[in-house]
Amino acid sequence: MTQTYLGVDLGGTQMRMAAVTREGQLATPMFSVPTGKQFSADQLRTNLQSLHSQVRSNPGVQSIAAIGFGITGLVRETTLSESDFLPLLNDLNIVALAHETLGYPAKIENDARCFVLAETRFGAARGARHVVGITLGTGVGGGVIVDGKIHRGANANAGEVWSIPLRDKWMEHFVSTSGLVRDYKDAGGEASEIDAAKLAELARTGDGAAQSAFQSYGADVAVLCETIRALLDPEVIVIGGSIALARDVFGEVLLQRIAKHGPRIAWAELGPAAGVIGAASLHL
């Protein structure tokens, strides 16, 4: 009988669940439900039951040993301490709720740490012992692996790279979707409603303002990587997230700026499944 582990990626827009093997492979499809700022503890309990039923009905699942959660926000032991995206779950003991609801042993961790854990064990940083993961999307997140283990720091803030100071603001002011859009408009871009994916399309077709925005973005991600190198000296920095899909329009400037000192930059391999796989592997 193949033993599997439930992985849950609990984000600000959706919650995804799948069964994962000890080898880091999805044993089922990822099933999802929407979340949002009004997502409550009761909704979490109900949707856990619903997603669990979908996973259990899949022929790829025979035995489930435990459940792990990767959650957006500040996580302390068993509790989501602070999340701007899931405010109704703040201070909720999610480990206790999950165990009461589904009966499995449960663990929780910040979603960016689950991302880097998955990529270190099963993805782009396989074999490395010292790894930092960066997630590029609406904002910027991070996670740190030291000697093969998640490093949380004294106050569970290790890897919170969004708050690194840059030009009298936070890193996330620049390395974010809003930062990209702001640079695009400052460079003369005229589209009124735009997001990162549309900006990448414009850059690929030769739009000068979009290209300028991504050049600035890549340069700032390079500053972030150089800061990480100086402080932590990792073997690998793994970069993932939705905006990493646009690396063809900003990756070159990033790689050129850090080529002299390293470390190796690896683009994430596990895609949207990384959070689920990392959450499940909290038990491995």
Protein backbone atom coordinates (compact mmCIF):
# COMPACT_ATOMS: atom_id res chain seq x y z
CA MET A 1 0.00 0.00 0.00
CA THR A 2 1.42 3.39 -1.05
CA GLN A 3 1.40 5.89 1.79
CA THR A 4 0.63 9.48 0.88
CA TYR A 5 0.46 12.84 2.63
CA LEU A 6 -2.07 15.61 2.11
CA GLY A 7 -0.61 18.93 1.06
CA VAL A 8 -2.67 22.12 1.34
CA ASP A 9 -1.64 25.43 -0.23
CA LEU A 10 -3.80 28.02 1.53
CA GLY A 11 -3.47 31.38 -0.22
CA GLY A 12 -5.31 34.63 -0.45
CA THR A 13 -7.32 33.68 -3.53
CA GLN A 14 -7.60 29.90 -3.39
CA MET A 15 -6.94 26.79 -1.32
CA ARG A 16 -5.53 23.77 -3.12
CA MET A 17 -5.16 20.20 -1.89
CA ALA A 18 -3.58 17.06 -3.31
CA ALA A 19 -2.10 13.80 -2.08
CA VAL A 20 1.68 13.59 -2.36
CA THR A 21 3.97 10.56 -2.22
CA ARG A 22 7.17 10.28 -0.17
CA GLU A 23 9.06 10.89 -3.43
CA GLY A 24 7.43 14.29 -3.86
CA GLN A 25 5.10 13.23 -6.66
CA LEU A 26 1.45 14.23 -6.89
CA ALA A 27 -0.67 11.12 -6.37
CA THR A 28 -3.84 13.01 -7.34
CA PRO A 29 -4.80 16.14 -9.23
CA MET A 30 -4.83 19.38 -7.23
CA PHE A 31 -8.37 20.25 -6.17
CA SER A 32 -9.18 23.85 -5.24
CA VAL A 33 -11.74 26.23 -3.76
CA PRO A 34 -11.73 30.05 -3.67
CA THR A 35 -10.71 31.90 -0.50
CA GLY A 36 -10.39 35.67 0.09
CA LYS A 37 -10.45 38.17 2.92
CA GLN A 38 -13.85 36.91 4.11
CA PHE A 39 -12.67 33.29 4.31
CA SER A 40 -13.56 32.14 7.83
CA ALA A 41 -12.69 29.26 10.13
CA ASP A 42 -16.06 27.64 9.40
CA GLN A 43 -15.41 27.89 5.68
CA LEU A 44 -11.95 26.41 6.17
CA ARG A 45 -13.44 23.45 8.03
CA THR A 46 -16.17 22.89 5.41
CA ASN A 47 -13.80 23.18 2.46
CA LEU A 48 -11.23 20.90 4.04
CA GLN A 49 -13.91 18.23 4.24
CA SER A 50 -14.96 18.84 0.64
CA LEU A 51 -11.44 18.77 -0.80
CA HIS A 52 -10.55 15.75 1.32
CA SER A 53 -13.52 13.85 -0.13
CA GLN A 54 -12.37 14.68 -3.65
CA VAL A 55 -8.83 13.53 -2.91
CA ARG A 56 -9.94 10.32 -1.20
CA SER A 57 -12.20 9.40 -4.12
CA ASN A 58 -9.19 9.39 -6.45
CA PRO A 59 -7.78 5.93 -7.27
CA GLY A 60 -4.23 7.21 -6.66
CA VAL A 61 -4.90 7.40 -2.90
CA GLN A 62 -4.79 4.33 -0.69
CA SER A 63 -3.42 5.48 2.65
CA ILE A 64 -3.04 9.03 4.05
CA ALA A 65 -0.61 9.50 6.93
CA ALA A 66 -0.82 13.22 7.73
CA ILE A 67 -1.66 16.68 6.42
CA GLY A 68 0.56 19.74 5.95
CA PHE A 69 -0.38 23.36 5.25
CA GLY A 70 1.54 26.08 3.48
CA ILE A 71 -0.16 29.37 4.37
CA THR A 72 0.32 32.95 3.27
CA GLY A 73 1.33 35.00 6.30
CA LEU A 74 3.32 34.74 9.52
CA VAL A 75 3.11 31.26 11.00
CA ARG A 76 4.05 30.39 14.58
CA GLU A 77 4.07 26.69 15.49
CA THR A 78 0.39 25.69 15.24
CA THR A 79 -1.16 29.09 14.50
CA LEU A 80 -1.50 31.56 11.66
CA SER A 81 -0.29 34.61 13.57
CA GLU A 82 -0.73 37.33 10.97
CA SER A 83 -2.01 37.36 7.38
CA ASP A 84 -3.23 40.41 5.49
CA PHE A 85 -4.85 38.13 2.91
CA LEU A 86 -6.71 35.82 5.34
CA PRO A 87 -7.53 38.14 8.25
CA LEU A 88 -10.40 36.05 9.64
CA LEU A 89 -7.95 33.18 10.22
CA ASN A 90 -5.47 35.27 12.24
CA ASP A 91 -4.67 33.69 15.62
CA LEU A 92 -6.46 30.50 14.61
CA ASN A 93 -4.91 27.19 15.69
CA ILE A 94 -5.02 25.57 12.28
CA VAL A 95 -3.27 22.39 13.44
CA ALA A 96 -6.04 21.74 15.98
CA LEU A 97 -8.79 22.63 13.49
CA ALA A 98 -7.38 20.28 10.83
CA HIS A 99 -6.95 17.42 13.27
CA GLU A 100 -10.48 17.84 14.61
CA THR A 101 -11.89 18.05 11.08
CA LEU A 102 -10.00 15.27 9.31
CA GLY A 103 -8.32 13.29 12.08
CA TYR A 104 -4.78 13.42 10.68
CA PRO A 105 -1.64 14.71 12.38
CA ALA A 106 -1.11 18.23 11.01
CA LYS A 107 1.73 20.71 10.54
CA ILE A 108 1.71 24.25 9.17
CA GLU A 109 4.32 26.53 7.67
CA ASN A 110 4.61 29.75 5.69
CA ASP A 111 3.88 29.15 1.99
CA ALA A 112 7.20 30.54 0.73
CA ARG A 113 9.07 28.17 3.04
CA CYS A 114 7.03 25.28 1.66
CA PHE A 115 7.98 26.41 -1.83
CA VAL A 116 11.71 26.37 -1.11
CA LEU A 117 11.45 23.10 0.83
CA ALA A 118 9.81 21.40 -2.17
CA GLU A 119 12.32 22.81 -4.65
CA THR A 120 15.23 21.78 -2.41
CA ARG A 121 14.07 18.21 -1.93
CA PHE A 122 12.44 17.48 -5.26
CA GLY A 123 13.02 20.35 -7.69
CA ALA A 124 15.56 22.86 -9.00
CA ALA A 125 17.85 22.77 -5.92
CA ARG A 126 18.01 19.00 -5.45
CA GLY A 127 21.20 17.99 -3.66
CA ALA A 128 21.92 21.43 -2.15
CA ARG A 129 22.04 21.95 1.61
CA HIS A 130 21.93 25.75 1.75
CA VAL A 131 19.17 27.27 -0.38
CA VAL A 132 17.09 30.43 -0.49
CA GLY A 133 13.80 30.52 -2.38
CA ILE A 134 12.19 33.67 -3.78
CA THR A 135 8.61 33.85 -4.99
CA LEU A 136 7.81 36.64 -7.43
CA GLY A 137 4.15 37.54 -7.85
CA THR A 138 1.76 40.14 -6.47
CA GLY A 139 4.54 40.75 -3.94
CA VAL A 140 7.80 39.02 -3.11
CA GLY A 141 8.27 36.23 -0.58
CA GLY A 142 11.17 34.11 0.58
CA GLY A 143 12.25 31.05 2.49
CA VAL A 144 15.59 29.85 3.83
CA ILE A 145 17.04 26.34 4.05
CA VAL A 146 20.17 25.96 6.19
CA ASP A 147 21.93 22.59 6.27
CA GLY A 148 18.89 20.95 4.73
CA LYS A 149 16.37 22.31 7.24
CA ILE A 150 13.92 25.22 7.24
CA HIS A 151 15.38 28.22 9.05
CA ARG A 152 12.70 30.30 10.80
CA GLY A 153 14.74 32.73 12.89
CA ALA A 154 14.12 34.00 16.41
CA ASN A 155 10.67 35.43 15.62
CA ALA A 156 9.63 33.28 12.63
CA ASN A 157 10.60 36.14 10.30
CA ALA A 158 13.55 34.57 8.49
CA GLY A 159 13.06 34.87 4.73
CA GLU A 160 10.65 37.82 4.87
CA VAL A 161 12.57 39.48 2.03
CA TRP A 162 9.70 41.82 1.14
CA SER A 163 10.76 44.03 4.06
CA ILE A 164 14.41 44.53 3.02
CA PRO A 165 14.99 48.30 2.77
CA LEU A 166 15.54 49.63 -0.75
CA ARG A 167 15.68 53.32 -1.73
CA ASP A 168 13.91 54.42 1.47
CA LYS A 169 11.06 51.94 0.95
CA TRP A 170 10.50 48.18 1.27
CA MET A 171 11.78 45.78 -1.39
CA GLU A 172 8.17 44.87 -2.19
CA HIS A 173 7.43 48.46 -3.22
CA PHE A 174 9.58 47.77 -6.28
CA VAL A 175 9.61 43.97 -6.65
CA SER A 176 5.87 43.49 -7.07
CA THR A 177 3.12 43.73 -9.65
CA SER A 178 2.31 47.26 -8.49
CA GLY A 179 5.96 48.19 -8.84
CA LEU A 180 6.04 46.89 -12.39
CA VAL A 181 2.90 48.80 -13.32
CA ARG A 182 4.22 51.99 -11.73
CA ASP A 183 7.50 51.74 -13.67
CA TYR A 184 5.58 51.04 -16.87
CA LYS A 185 3.49 54.18 -16.47
CA ASP A 186 6.53 56.24 -15.45
CA ALA A 187 8.19 55.13 -18.69
CA GLY A 188 5.24 56.39 -20.72
CA GLY A 189 3.03 53.33 -20.81
CA GLU A 190 -0.54 54.20 -21.59
CA ALA A 191 -2.60 51.06 -20.92
CA SER A 192 -5.06 51.88 -18.13
CA GLU A 193 -5.72 48.32 -16.95
CA ILE A 194 -2.62 46.18 -16.94
CA ASP A 195 -1.10 43.32 -14.97
CA ALA A 196 2.25 41.52 -14.98
CA ALA A 197 1.23 38.92 -17.56
CA LYS A 198 -0.02 41.58 -19.99
CA LEU A 199 3.10 43.65 -19.39
CA ALA A 200 5.25 40.64 -20.27
CA GLU A 201 3.29 40.19 -23.52
CA LEU A 202 3.87 43.86 -24.37
CA ALA A 203 7.58 43.57 -23.60
CA ARG A 204 7.90 40.56 -25.90
CA THR A 205 6.31 42.51 -28.76
CA GLY A 206 8.79 45.36 -28.37
CA ASP A 207 6.86 47.84 -26.23
CA GLY A 208 9.56 50.15 -24.88
CA ALA A 209 7.77 51.13 -21.67
CA ALA A 210 7.10 47.51 -20.75
CA GLN A 211 10.67 46.53 -21.52
CA SER A 212 11.95 49.40 -19.37
CA ALA A 213 9.73 48.31 -16.48
CA PHE A 214 11.04 44.75 -16.61
CA GLN A 215 14.65 45.92 -16.86
CA SER A 216 14.15 47.87 -13.61
CA TYR A 217 12.41 44.89 -12.06
CA GLY A 218 15.25 42.53 -12.99
CA ALA A 219 17.83 44.95 -11.60
CA ASP A 220 15.98 45.11 -8.28
CA VAL A 221 15.66 41.32 -8.08
CA ALA A 222 19.44 41.26 -8.62
CA VAL A 223 19.87 43.60 -5.61
CA LEU A 224 17.74 41.18 -3.59
CA CYS A 225 19.88 38.21 -4.70
CA GLU A 226 23.10 40.07 -3.90
CA THR A 227 21.76 40.90 -0.44
CA ILE A 228 20.89 37.25 0.13
CA ARG A 229 24.36 36.18 -1.04
CA ALA A 230 26.08 38.58 1.34
CA LEU A 231 24.01 37.52 4.36
CA LEU A 232 23.47 33.79 3.85
CA ASP A 233 25.91 32.59 1.17
CA PRO A 234 23.57 29.91 -0.22
CA GLU A 235 24.58 27.36 -2.84
CA VAL A 236 21.44 28.11 -4.86
CA ILE A 237 18.78 30.77 -5.05
CA VAL A 238 15.59 29.27 -6.50
CA ILE A 239 13.21 31.75 -8.11
CA GLY A 240 9.56 30.92 -8.73
CA GLY A 241 6.12 32.49 -8.72
CA SER A 242 3.91 33.84 -11.47
CA ILE A 243 6.23 36.66 -12.55
CA ALA A 244 9.13 34.21 -12.89
CA LEU A 245 7.30 33.00 -16.00
CA ALA A 246 8.40 36.30 -17.58
CA ARG A 247 12.09 35.60 -16.99
CA ASP A 248 12.68 35.84 -20.74
CA VAL A 249 12.12 39.61 -20.44
CA PHE A 250 13.99 40.29 -17.17
CA GLY A 251 16.19 37.27 -16.46
CA GLU A 252 19.17 38.39 -18.52
CA VAL A 253 19.74 41.61 -16.60
CA LEU A 254 19.38 39.68 -13.33
CA LEU A 255 21.92 37.03 -14.31
CA GLN A 256 24.39 39.55 -15.71
CA ARG A 257 24.39 41.58 -12.50
CA ILE A 258 25.11 38.65 -10.20
CA ALA A 259 27.34 36.58 -12.51
CA LYS A 260 30.59 37.77 -10.92
CA HIS A 261 29.90 36.66 -7.36
CA GLY A 262 27.17 34.04 -7.69
CA PRO A 263 25.43 32.07 -6.27
CA ARG A 264 23.78 29.86 -8.85
CA ILE A 265 20.31 31.01 -9.86
CA ALA A 266 17.84 28.23 -10.58
CA TRP A 267 14.35 28.72 -11.96
CA ALA A 268 11.72 26.70 -10.09
CA GLU A 269 10.78 23.36 -11.62
CA LEU A 270 7.66 22.31 -9.72
CA GLY A 271 5.33 25.07 -10.89
CA PRO A 272 2.00 25.59 -9.11
CA ALA A 273 2.41 22.24 -7.31
CA ALA A 274 5.43 23.41 -5.26
CA GLY A 275 3.35 24.76 -2.38
CA VAL A 276 1.29 21.59 -2.06
CA ILE A 277 4.34 19.33 -2.33
CA GLY A 278 6.27 21.39 0.21
CA ALA A 279 3.34 21.39 2.64
CA ALA A 280 3.00 17.63 2.43
CA SER A 281 6.75 17.12 2.86
CA LEU A 282 6.70 18.92 6.22
CA HIS A 283 6.06 15.41 7.56
CA LEU A 284 8.93 13.75 5.68
